[in-house]
Structures are given as structure tokens and as C-alpha cells.
């Protein structure tokens, strides 16, 4: 049996790339982006991406 994780998504139309940050909202240790400080994430590793994630967190 396949189980799906519950998820919530929000999408808006914007003129510039803003990036996305996706995390498990069921994790009680994460209630705001700042809680992701020091955590490991999957990405492409570009300088642009690092700057964006650092700003978001």
C-alpha cells in the first residue's frame, strides 16, 4: 500500500524567480524558516541558490 504525505501548497504569479523552500510541516521541531538554520537540504549548489536559501532562512 502506498501512503501519501499530507501537504499544503501555495502558488502565486510573480515577475522574478523567488525560489521555493519545502519542508515537512509535520516535524514539530520546525515551526518557522529560521528553525532550518544549520540543517542540510537538497539543491543544485549554485551561489545564487545558497544566497537565496540563506536569505529565506
N, C-alpha and C. Protein backbone atom coordinates (compact mmCIF):
# COMPACT_ATOMS: atom_id res chain seq x y z
N UNK A 1 0.85 -1.17 0.00
CA UNK A 1 0.00 0.00 0.00
C UNK A 1 0.89 1.23 0.00
N UNK A 2 0.61 2.16 -0.86
CA UNK A 2 1.34 3.41 -0.95
C UNK A 2 0.68 4.47 -0.10
N UNK A 3 1.46 5.16 0.71
CA UNK A 3 0.92 6.24 1.54
C UNK A 3 1.42 7.57 1.01
N UNK A 4 0.58 8.55 1.02
CA UNK A 4 0.97 9.88 0.60
C UNK A 4 1.07 10.78 1.82
N UNK A 5 2.10 11.61 1.82
CA UNK A 5 2.27 12.56 2.92
C UNK A 5 1.31 13.72 2.71
N UNK A 6 0.64 14.17 3.76
CA UNK A 6 -0.22 15.33 3.61
C UNK A 6 0.63 16.55 3.27
N UNK A 7 0.14 17.39 2.39
CA UNK A 7 0.92 18.58 2.02
C UNK A 7 0.00 19.76 1.76
N UNK A 8 0.57 20.93 1.91
CA UNK A 8 -0.13 22.17 1.62
C UNK A 8 0.75 22.95 0.67
N UNK A 9 0.18 23.52 -0.36
CA UNK A 9 0.96 24.29 -1.33
C UNK A 9 0.31 25.63 -1.57
N UNK A 10 1.15 26.61 -1.80
CA UNK A 10 0.69 27.94 -2.12
C UNK A 10 1.47 28.40 -3.34
N UNK A 11 0.80 28.91 -4.32
CA UNK A 11 1.45 29.35 -5.54
C UNK A 11 0.94 30.74 -5.91
N UNK A 12 1.86 31.60 -6.29
CA UNK A 12 1.49 32.94 -6.73
C UNK A 12 2.23 33.25 -8.03
N UNK A 13 1.72 34.17 -8.80
CA UNK A 13 2.38 34.59 -10.03
C UNK A 13 3.23 35.82 -9.72
N UNK A 14 4.51 35.71 -10.04
CA UNK A 14 5.42 36.82 -9.81
C UNK A 14 6.28 37.04 -11.06
N UNK A 15 6.92 38.19 -11.16
CA UNK A 15 7.71 38.50 -12.34
C UNK A 15 9.15 38.02 -12.25
N UNK A 16 9.64 37.70 -11.06
CA UNK A 16 11.01 37.23 -10.89
C UNK A 16 11.02 35.93 -10.10
N UNK A 17 12.06 35.17 -10.31
CA UNK A 17 12.23 33.92 -9.56
C UNK A 17 12.39 34.24 -8.08
N UNK A 18 11.65 33.56 -7.24
CA UNK A 18 11.73 33.79 -5.80
C UNK A 18 12.24 32.56 -5.06
N UNK A 19 12.31 31.44 -5.73
CA UNK A 19 12.77 30.22 -5.09
C UNK A 19 11.65 29.55 -4.31
N UNK A 20 11.91 28.35 -3.87
CA UNK A 20 10.94 27.61 -3.09
C UNK A 20 11.68 26.95 -1.93
N UNK A 21 10.99 26.82 -0.86
CA UNK A 21 11.52 26.16 0.31
C UNK A 21 10.43 25.19 0.77
N UNK A 22 10.74 23.89 0.74
CA UNK A 22 9.75 22.87 1.09
C UNK A 22 10.30 22.07 2.27
N UNK A 23 9.47 21.87 3.26
CA UNK A 23 9.89 21.10 4.42
C UNK A 23 8.70 20.31 4.95
N UNK A 24 8.97 19.37 5.83
CA UNK A 24 7.94 18.52 6.43
C UNK A 24 7.23 19.31 7.53
N UNK A 25 6.02 19.74 7.26
CA UNK A 25 5.28 20.54 8.25
C UNK A 25 4.83 19.69 9.44
N UNK A 26 4.96 18.39 9.35
CA UNK A 26 4.62 17.51 10.47
C UNK A 26 5.74 17.41 11.49
N UNK A 27 6.90 18.01 11.20
CA UNK A 27 8.03 17.98 12.12
C UNK A 27 7.84 19.10 13.14
N UNK A 28 7.57 18.75 14.37
CA UNK A 28 7.29 19.74 15.42
C UNK A 28 8.50 20.63 15.73
N UNK A 29 9.69 20.20 15.33
CA UNK A 29 10.90 21.00 15.59
C UNK A 29 11.02 22.16 14.61
N UNK A 30 10.20 22.17 13.57
CA UNK A 30 10.26 23.24 12.57
C UNK A 30 8.92 23.97 12.55
N UNK A 31 8.94 25.20 13.03
CA UNK A 31 7.71 26.00 13.02
C UNK A 31 7.89 27.30 12.23
N UNK A 32 9.13 27.58 11.82
CA UNK A 32 9.41 28.79 11.04
C UNK A 32 10.71 28.55 10.25
N UNK A 33 10.93 29.28 9.19
CA UNK A 33 12.13 29.06 8.38
C UNK A 33 13.43 29.13 9.18
N UNK A 34 13.51 29.99 10.20
CA UNK A 34 14.73 30.10 10.99
C UNK A 34 15.10 28.78 11.68
N UNK A 35 14.13 27.90 11.90
CA UNK A 35 14.39 26.60 12.52
C UNK A 35 15.20 25.68 11.61
N UNK A 36 15.34 26.06 10.35
CA UNK A 36 16.10 25.26 9.40
C UNK A 36 17.59 25.61 9.42
N UNK A 37 17.98 26.61 10.19
CA UNK A 37 19.39 27.02 10.29
C UNK A 37 20.25 25.84 10.69
N UNK A 38 21.31 25.59 9.94
CA UNK A 38 22.24 24.50 10.23
C UNK A 38 21.81 23.15 9.71
N UNK A 39 20.62 23.04 9.15
CA UNK A 39 20.13 21.78 8.59
C UNK A 39 20.69 21.58 7.18
N UNK A 40 20.68 20.36 6.70
CA UNK A 40 21.12 20.03 5.36
C UNK A 40 19.91 20.00 4.44
N UNK A 41 20.07 20.52 3.23
CA UNK A 41 18.98 20.49 2.27
C UNK A 41 19.49 20.02 0.91
N UNK A 42 18.61 19.57 0.09
CA UNK A 42 18.96 19.13 -1.27
C UNK A 42 18.77 20.30 -2.21
N UNK A 43 19.71 20.49 -3.10
CA UNK A 43 19.62 21.58 -4.06
C UNK A 43 20.64 21.40 -5.17
N UNK A 44 20.84 22.45 -5.94
CA UNK A 44 21.76 22.38 -7.07
C UNK A 44 23.16 22.88 -6.71
N UNK A 45 23.30 23.61 -5.60
CA UNK A 45 24.61 24.03 -5.14
C UNK A 45 25.16 25.29 -5.77
N UNK A 46 24.33 26.05 -6.44
CA UNK A 46 24.83 27.28 -7.06
C UNK A 46 24.96 28.40 -6.02
N UNK A 47 25.80 29.38 -6.32
CA UNK A 47 25.96 30.52 -5.41
C UNK A 47 24.64 31.27 -5.26
N UNK A 48 23.88 31.38 -6.35
CA UNK A 48 22.58 32.05 -6.32
C UNK A 48 21.63 31.33 -5.37
N UNK A 49 21.63 30.01 -5.45
CA UNK A 49 20.74 29.22 -4.58
C UNK A 49 21.15 29.38 -3.11
N UNK A 50 22.43 29.33 -2.83
CA UNK A 50 22.90 29.49 -1.46
C UNK A 50 22.48 30.85 -0.90
N UNK A 51 22.66 31.89 -1.71
CA UNK A 51 22.27 33.23 -1.26
C UNK A 51 20.77 33.30 -1.00
N UNK A 52 19.97 32.70 -1.86
CA UNK A 52 18.51 32.71 -1.70
C UNK A 52 18.10 31.95 -0.45
N UNK A 53 18.63 30.75 -0.26
CA UNK A 53 18.26 29.95 0.92
C UNK A 53 18.70 30.65 2.20
N UNK A 54 19.89 31.25 2.20
CA UNK A 54 20.38 31.96 3.39
C UNK A 54 19.46 33.12 3.72
N UNK A 55 18.98 33.83 2.70
CA UNK A 55 18.07 34.95 2.92
C UNK A 55 16.73 34.47 3.45
N UNK A 56 16.21 33.37 2.90
CA UNK A 56 14.92 32.86 3.31
C UNK A 56 14.97 32.34 4.74
N UNK A 57 16.06 31.68 5.09
CA UNK A 57 16.18 31.11 6.43
C UNK A 57 16.56 32.19 7.41
